[in-house]
Amino acid sequence: MISLNALNLSINGTKILKDVSFNIDQGQIFGLVGESGSGKSMTALAMMQLLPEGSEARGRIFVDGDDVLSLSETEICALRGNEIGMIFQEPM
């Protein structure tokens, strides 16, 4: 299960996301839609802890009970690709 609770994100002091909250249950298909620049990619990047330098994320992000924002780099790397993944907007 994935749960976002009151996720706020700023990059170099510029507010990007404000109070984003949703839950995704196991097996549920979830689509995040919005206009260009609305924060869809930043929400996904926050969930994966792949934010650009100068980012500050606040709130709670849980993946299978683990609080993503409090995990070490080693711990989040163990989750990426095993428990959570993403398809990037601009594949290389």
C-alpha atoms as a PDB file:
ATOM      1  CA  MET A   1       0.000   0.000   0.000  1.00  0.00           C
ATOM      2  CA  ILE A   2       1.122   3.548  -0.732  1.00  0.00           C
ATOM      3  CA  SER A   3      -0.126   6.459   1.335  1.00  0.00           C
ATOM      4  CA  LEU A   4       0.664  10.155   0.963  1.00  0.00           C
ATOM      5  CA  ASN A   5      -0.474  12.415   3.787  1.00  0.00           C
ATOM      6  CA  ALA A   6      -0.193  16.198   3.475  1.00  0.00           C
ATOM      7  CA  LEU A   7       2.869  16.095   1.207  1.00  0.00           C
ATOM      8  CA  ASN A   8       4.392  19.530   0.727  1.00  0.00           C
ATOM      9  CA  LEU A   9       7.398  20.120  -1.489  1.00  0.00           C
ATOM     10  CA  SER A  10       9.539  23.154  -2.122  1.00  0.00           C
ATOM     11  CA  ILE A  11      12.612  23.507  -4.306  1.00  0.00           C
ATOM     12  CA  ASN A  12      15.040  26.277  -3.376  1.00  0.00           C
ATOM     13  CA  GLY A  13      12.227  27.946  -1.442  1.00  0.00           C
ATOM     14  CA  THR A  14       9.650  27.783  -4.260  1.00  0.00           C
ATOM     15  CA  LYS A  15       6.525  25.877  -3.241  1.00  0.00           C
ATOM     16  CA  ILE A  16       5.831  23.060  -5.701  1.00  0.00           C
ATOM     17  CA  LEU A  17       3.273  20.839  -3.918  1.00  0.00           C
ATOM     18  CA  LYS A  18       0.799  21.714  -1.185  1.00  0.00           C
ATOM     19  CA  ASP A  19      -1.018  19.161   1.005  1.00  0.00           C
ATOM     20  CA  VAL A  20      -1.113  16.279  -1.511  1.00  0.00           C
ATOM     21  CA  SER A  21      -2.852  13.238  -0.004  1.00  0.00           C
ATOM     22  CA  PHE A  22      -4.004   9.918  -1.442  1.00  0.00           C
ATOM     23  CA  ASN A  23      -3.914   6.161  -0.790  1.00  0.00           C
ATOM     24  CA  ILE A  24      -3.238   3.348  -3.252  1.00  0.00           C
ATOM     25  CA  ASP A  25      -4.200  -0.132  -2.078  1.00  0.00           C
ATOM     26  CA  GLN A  26      -2.386  -3.257  -3.226  1.00  0.00           C
ATOM     27  CA  GLY A  27      -3.649  -4.295  -6.650  1.00  0.00           C
ATOM     28  CA  GLN A  28      -5.379  -0.958  -7.224  1.00  0.00           C
ATOM     29  CA  ILE A  29      -4.778   0.876 -10.493  1.00  0.00           C
ATOM     30  CA  PHE A  30      -4.208   4.581  -9.862  1.00  0.00           C
ATOM     31  CA  GLY A  31      -3.859   7.428 -12.337  1.00  0.00           C
ATOM     32  CA  LEU A  32      -2.518  10.855 -11.432  1.00  0.00           C
ATOM     33  CA  VAL A  33      -3.686  13.416 -13.981  1.00  0.00           C
ATOM     34  CA  GLY A  34      -3.346  17.164 -14.265  1.00  0.00           C
ATOM     35  CA  GLU A  35      -2.188  20.028 -16.412  1.00  0.00           C
ATOM     36  CA  SER A  36       1.425  20.465 -17.418  1.00  0.00           C
ATOM     37  CA  GLY A  37       3.339  21.833 -14.443  1.00  0.00           C
ATOM     38  CA  SER A  38       0.737  20.742 -11.887  1.00  0.00           C
ATOM     39  CA  GLY A  39       3.180  18.568  -9.914  1.00  0.00           C
ATOM     40  CA  LYS A  40       2.476  15.031 -11.153  1.00  0.00           C
ATOM     41  CA  SER A  41       6.132  14.207 -11.821  1.00  0.00           C
ATOM     42  CA  MET A  42       7.315  15.895  -8.627  1.00  0.00           C
ATOM     43  CA  THR A  43       4.816  13.828  -6.621  1.00  0.00           C
ATOM     44  CA  ALA A  44       6.173  10.616  -8.168  1.00  0.00           C
ATOM     45  CA  LEU A  45       9.784  11.718  -7.685  1.00  0.00           C
ATOM     46  CA  ALA A  46       9.071  12.505  -4.024  1.00  0.00           C
ATOM     47  CA  MET A  47       7.641   9.010  -3.552  1.00  0.00           C
ATOM     48  CA  MET A  48      10.868   7.550  -4.970  1.00  0.00           C
ATOM     49  CA  GLN A  49      13.137  10.032  -3.113  1.00  0.00           C
ATOM     50  CA  LEU A  50      14.629  11.153  -6.441  1.00  0.00           C
ATOM     51  CA  LEU A  51      14.148  14.872  -5.907  1.00  0.00           C
ATOM     52  CA  PRO A  52      16.564  17.488  -7.246  1.00  0.00           C
ATOM     53  CA  GLU A  53      19.116  19.178  -5.025  1.00  0.00           C
ATOM     54  CA  GLY A  54      17.606  21.971  -2.934  1.00  0.00           C
ATOM     55  CA  SER A  55      14.334  20.098  -2.424  1.00  0.00           C
ATOM     56  CA  GLU A  56      12.541  19.933   0.901  1.00  0.00           C
ATOM     57  CA  ALA A  57       9.687  17.445   1.288  1.00  0.00           C
ATOM     58  CA  ARG A  58       7.392  17.506   4.319  1.00  0.00           C
ATOM     59  CA  GLY A  59       4.470  15.323   5.240  1.00  0.00           C
ATOM     60  CA  ARG A  60       4.280  11.540   5.227  1.00  0.00           C
ATOM     61  CA  ILE A  61       4.872   9.026   2.441  1.00  0.00           C
ATOM     62  CA  PHE A  62       4.360   5.378   3.356  1.00  0.00           C
ATOM     63  CA  VAL A  63       5.180   2.399   1.128  1.00  0.00           C
ATOM     64  CA  ASP A  64       4.131  -0.896   2.713  1.00  0.00           C
ATOM     65  CA  GLY A  65       4.366   0.733   6.147  1.00  0.00           C
ATOM     66  CA  ASP A  66       7.822   2.267   5.642  1.00  0.00           C
ATOM     67  CA  ASP A  67       8.002   6.051   6.052  1.00  0.00           C
ATOM     68  CA  VAL A  68       9.905   6.896   2.856  1.00  0.00           C
ATOM     69  CA  LEU A  69      10.961  10.379   3.994  1.00  0.00           C
ATOM     70  CA  SER A  70      12.790   8.935   7.009  1.00  0.00           C
ATOM     71  CA  LEU A  71      14.616   6.098   5.192  1.00  0.00           C
ATOM     72  CA  SER A  72      18.351   6.124   4.563  1.00  0.00           C
ATOM     73  CA  GLU A  73      19.633   6.032   0.982  1.00  0.00           C
ATOM     74  CA  THR A  74      20.452   2.319   1.386  1.00  0.00           C
ATOM     75  CA  GLU A  75      16.925   1.572   2.627  1.00  0.00           C
ATOM     76  CA  ILE A  76      15.178   3.552  -0.133  1.00  0.00           C
ATOM     77  CA  CYS A  77      17.387   1.859  -2.764  1.00  0.00           C
ATOM     78  CA  ALA A  78      16.117  -1.507  -1.485  1.00  0.00           C
ATOM     79  CA  LEU A  79      12.522  -0.337  -2.065  1.00  0.00           C
ATOM     80  CA  ARG A  80      13.109   1.093  -5.550  1.00  0.00           C
ATOM     81  CA  GLY A  81      12.459  -1.482  -8.225  1.00  0.00           C
ATOM     82  CA  ASN A  82      11.341  -4.084  -5.682  1.00  0.00           C
ATOM     83  CA  GLU A  83       8.373  -2.524  -3.886  1.00  0.00           C
ATOM     84  CA  ILE A  84       7.863   0.652  -5.900  1.00  0.00           C
ATOM     85  CA  GLY A  85       8.833   1.790  -9.363  1.00  0.00           C
ATOM     86  CA  MET A  86       8.013   4.392 -11.961  1.00  0.00           C
ATOM     87  CA  ILE A  87       8.109   4.877 -15.700  1.00  0.00           C
ATOM     88  CA  PHE A  88       9.848   8.157 -16.418  1.00  0.00           C
ATOM     89  CA  GLN A  89       8.223  10.762 -18.624  1.00  0.00           C
ATOM     90  CA  GLU A  90      11.384  11.166 -20.721  1.00  0.00           C
ATOM     91  CA  PRO A  91      12.963   7.697 -21.083  1.00  0.00           C
ATOM     92  CA  MET A  92      16.596   7.599 -22.175  1.00  0.00           C
END
